[in-house]
Amino acid sequence: MGQNIKQSRKSKMKKTSDDMEKLKLEIAEEIGLLDKVKSQGWAGLSAAESGRIGGLLIQRKKRQGN
């Protein structure tokens, strides 16, 4: 009763669709970050690296009309 349970950061993060995850991995591979993502996970990327992937992801989605 009245317990204050803290959620881990991972449980608070939005879940991405499988298609989006595949696209992120494809982009990571293209810019040479796939090994780092596989060994350290997405959280292991720097802000600049994450931003680069996010920017390319948005560009592709715009080109696809999504």
N, C-alpha and C. Protein backbone atom coordinates (compact mmCIF):
# COMPACT_ATOMS: atom_id res chain seq x y z
N MET A 1 0.84 -1.17 0.00
CA MET A 1 0.00 0.00 0.00
C MET A 1 0.88 1.24 0.00
N GLY A 2 0.63 2.14 -0.93
CA GLY A 2 1.37 3.38 -0.97
C GLY A 2 2.83 3.24 -1.34
N GLN A 3 3.19 2.12 -1.93
CA GLN A 3 4.58 1.93 -2.32
C GLN A 3 4.94 2.82 -3.48
N ASN A 4 6.09 3.43 -3.42
CA ASN A 4 6.57 4.27 -4.51
C ASN A 4 7.55 3.44 -5.34
N ILE A 5 7.07 2.96 -6.45
CA ILE A 5 7.89 2.11 -7.32
C ILE A 5 8.41 2.94 -8.47
N LYS A 6 9.72 2.99 -8.62
CA LYS A 6 10.32 3.73 -9.73
C LYS A 6 10.43 2.82 -10.94
N GLN A 7 10.08 3.38 -12.09
CA GLN A 7 10.20 2.63 -13.33
C GLN A 7 11.61 2.83 -13.88
N SER A 8 12.13 1.80 -14.50
CA SER A 8 13.42 1.95 -15.15
C SER A 8 13.25 2.82 -16.40
N ARG A 9 14.36 3.38 -16.86
CA ARG A 9 14.32 4.23 -18.05
C ARG A 9 13.80 3.46 -19.25
N LYS A 10 14.21 2.20 -19.37
CA LYS A 10 13.78 1.40 -20.51
C LYS A 10 12.27 1.21 -20.54
N SER A 11 11.66 1.03 -19.39
CA SER A 11 10.22 0.80 -19.36
C SER A 11 9.43 2.06 -19.71
N LYS A 12 10.05 3.23 -19.57
CA LYS A 12 9.39 4.48 -19.90
C LYS A 12 9.53 4.84 -21.37
N MET A 13 10.50 4.24 -22.04
CA MET A 13 10.78 4.59 -23.43
C MET A 13 9.68 4.06 -24.34
N LYS A 14 9.41 4.82 -25.39
CA LYS A 14 8.42 4.39 -26.38
C LYS A 14 8.94 3.17 -27.12
N LYS A 15 8.05 2.31 -27.45
CA LYS A 15 8.41 1.14 -28.25
C LYS A 15 8.30 1.52 -29.72
N THR A 16 9.26 1.08 -30.51
CA THR A 16 9.21 1.37 -31.94
C THR A 16 8.69 0.15 -32.67
N SER A 17 8.09 0.40 -33.82
CA SER A 17 7.57 -0.70 -34.62
C SER A 17 8.74 -1.50 -35.19
N ASP A 18 8.47 -2.71 -35.60
CA ASP A 18 9.52 -3.56 -36.18
C ASP A 18 10.08 -2.93 -37.45
N ASP A 19 9.21 -2.32 -38.26
CA ASP A 19 9.67 -1.68 -39.49
C ASP A 19 10.61 -0.52 -39.18
N MET A 20 10.28 0.26 -38.18
CA MET A 20 11.11 1.39 -37.79
C MET A 20 12.45 0.89 -37.25
N GLU A 21 12.42 -0.15 -36.48
CA GLU A 21 13.65 -0.72 -35.92
C GLU A 21 14.55 -1.22 -37.04
N LYS A 22 13.98 -1.88 -38.03
CA LYS A 22 14.77 -2.36 -39.17
C LYS A 22 15.41 -1.20 -39.92
N LEU A 23 14.66 -0.13 -40.10
CA LEU A 23 15.18 1.04 -40.80
C LEU A 23 16.30 1.70 -40.00
N LYS A 24 16.13 1.79 -38.68
CA LYS A 24 17.18 2.35 -37.84
C LYS A 24 18.46 1.52 -37.93
N LEU A 25 18.32 0.20 -37.91
CA LEU A 25 19.48 -0.67 -38.02
C LEU A 25 20.15 -0.54 -39.38
N GLU A 26 19.35 -0.40 -40.42
CA GLU A 26 19.88 -0.22 -41.77
C GLU A 26 20.70 1.07 -41.86
N ILE A 27 20.17 2.14 -41.29
CA ILE A 27 20.87 3.42 -41.30
C ILE A 27 22.15 3.33 -40.46
N ALA A 28 22.07 2.69 -39.30
CA ALA A 28 23.24 2.52 -38.44
C ALA A 28 24.35 1.77 -39.19
N GLU A 29 23.96 0.77 -39.96
CA GLU A 29 24.94 0.02 -40.74
C GLU A 29 25.57 0.90 -41.81
N GLU A 30 24.76 1.69 -42.48
CA GLU A 30 25.25 2.55 -43.55
C GLU A 30 26.26 3.59 -43.07
N ILE A 31 26.08 4.07 -41.84
CA ILE A 31 27.00 5.10 -41.34
C ILE A 31 28.06 4.52 -40.40
N GLY A 32 28.16 3.20 -40.37
CA GLY A 32 29.24 2.54 -39.63
C GLY A 32 29.04 2.42 -38.13
N LEU A 33 27.80 2.42 -37.67
CA LEU A 33 27.54 2.34 -36.24
C LEU A 33 26.88 1.03 -35.81
N LEU A 34 26.67 0.12 -36.73
CA LEU A 34 25.94 -1.10 -36.40
C LEU A 34 26.66 -1.93 -35.34
N ASP A 35 27.97 -2.06 -35.44
CA ASP A 35 28.71 -2.84 -34.45
C ASP A 35 28.56 -2.25 -33.05
N LYS A 36 28.60 -0.92 -32.97
CA LYS A 36 28.46 -0.24 -31.68
C LYS A 36 27.06 -0.46 -31.12
N VAL A 37 26.04 -0.38 -31.98
CA VAL A 37 24.67 -0.60 -31.53
C VAL A 37 24.50 -2.04 -31.04
N LYS A 38 25.08 -2.99 -31.75
CA LYS A 38 24.95 -4.40 -31.36
C LYS A 38 25.67 -4.69 -30.05
N SER A 39 26.82 -4.04 -29.83
CA SER A 39 27.58 -4.33 -28.62
C SER A 39 27.10 -3.53 -27.40
N GLN A 40 26.66 -2.28 -27.62
CA GLN A 40 26.30 -1.42 -26.49
C GLN A 40 24.81 -1.07 -26.43
N GLY A 41 24.10 -1.35 -27.49
CA GLY A 41 22.69 -0.98 -27.55
C GLY A 41 22.54 0.46 -27.99
N TRP A 42 21.30 0.89 -28.22
CA TRP A 42 21.04 2.25 -28.67
C TRP A 42 21.51 3.28 -27.65
N ALA A 43 21.42 2.95 -26.38
CA ALA A 43 21.82 3.88 -25.33
C ALA A 43 23.34 4.14 -25.33
N GLY A 44 24.10 3.30 -25.98
CA GLY A 44 25.54 3.45 -26.05
C GLY A 44 26.00 4.49 -27.06
N LEU A 45 25.08 4.99 -27.88
CA LEU A 45 25.44 5.98 -28.88
C LEU A 45 25.52 7.37 -28.24
N SER A 46 26.38 8.20 -28.81
CA SER A 46 26.46 9.59 -28.34
C SER A 46 25.24 10.35 -28.88
N ALA A 47 25.04 11.54 -28.36
CA ALA A 47 23.92 12.36 -28.82
C ALA A 47 24.07 12.68 -30.31
N ALA A 48 25.29 12.95 -30.73
CA ALA A 48 25.54 13.27 -32.13
C ALA A 48 25.23 12.07 -33.03
N GLU A 49 25.62 10.89 -32.60
CA GLU A 49 25.37 9.68 -33.38
C GLU A 49 23.87 9.39 -33.46
N SER A 50 23.18 9.52 -32.34
CA SER A 50 21.73 9.32 -32.33
C SER A 50 21.03 10.34 -33.21
N GLY A 51 21.49 11.57 -33.13
CA GLY A 51 20.91 12.63 -33.95
C GLY A 51 21.10 12.39 -35.43
N ARG A 52 22.25 11.88 -35.78
CA ARG A 52 22.53 11.57 -37.19
C ARG A 52 21.57 10.49 -37.69
N ILE A 53 21.39 9.45 -36.91
CA ILE A 53 20.46 8.38 -37.29
C ILE A 53 19.04 8.93 -37.37
N GLY A 54 18.65 9.72 -36.39
CA GLY A 54 17.31 10.31 -36.39
C GLY A 54 17.06 11.21 -37.58
N GLY A 55 18.06 12.01 -37.94
CA GLY A 55 17.93 12.91 -39.08
C GLY A 55 17.76 12.14 -40.38
N LEU A 56 18.56 11.10 -40.55
CA LEU A 56 18.45 10.28 -41.76
C LEU A 56 17.12 9.52 -41.79
N LEU A 57 16.67 9.11 -40.63
CA LEU A 57 15.39 8.40 -40.53
C LEU A 57 14.24 9.31 -40.97
N ILE A 58 14.25 10.54 -40.51
CA ILE A 58 13.21 11.50 -40.88
C ILE A 58 13.25 11.78 -42.39
N GLN A 59 14.46 11.96 -42.93
CA GLN A 59 14.60 12.19 -44.38
C GLN A 59 13.97 11.06 -45.18
N ARG A 60 14.25 9.84 -44.76
CA ARG A 60 13.72 8.68 -45.49
C ARG A 60 12.21 8.60 -45.39
N LYS A 61 11.69 8.86 -44.20
CA LYS A 61 10.24 8.80 -44.02
C LYS A 61 9.55 9.86 -44.88
N LYS A 62 10.16 11.05 -44.98
CA LYS A 62 9.59 12.10 -45.82
C LYS A 62 9.59 11.69 -47.28
N ARG A 63 10.67 11.08 -47.73
CA ARG A 63 10.76 10.62 -49.11
C ARG A 63 9.72 9.54 -49.40
N GLN A 64 9.42 8.72 -48.40
CA GLN A 64 8.42 7.66 -48.57
C GLN A 64 7.01 8.19 -48.47
N GLY A 65 6.87 9.42 -48.02
CA GLY A 65 5.53 10.00 -47.90
C GLY A 65 4.84 9.68 -46.60
N ASN A 66 5.59 9.32 -45.57
CA ASN A 66 4.99 8.98 -44.27
C ASN A 66 5.07 10.15 -43.37
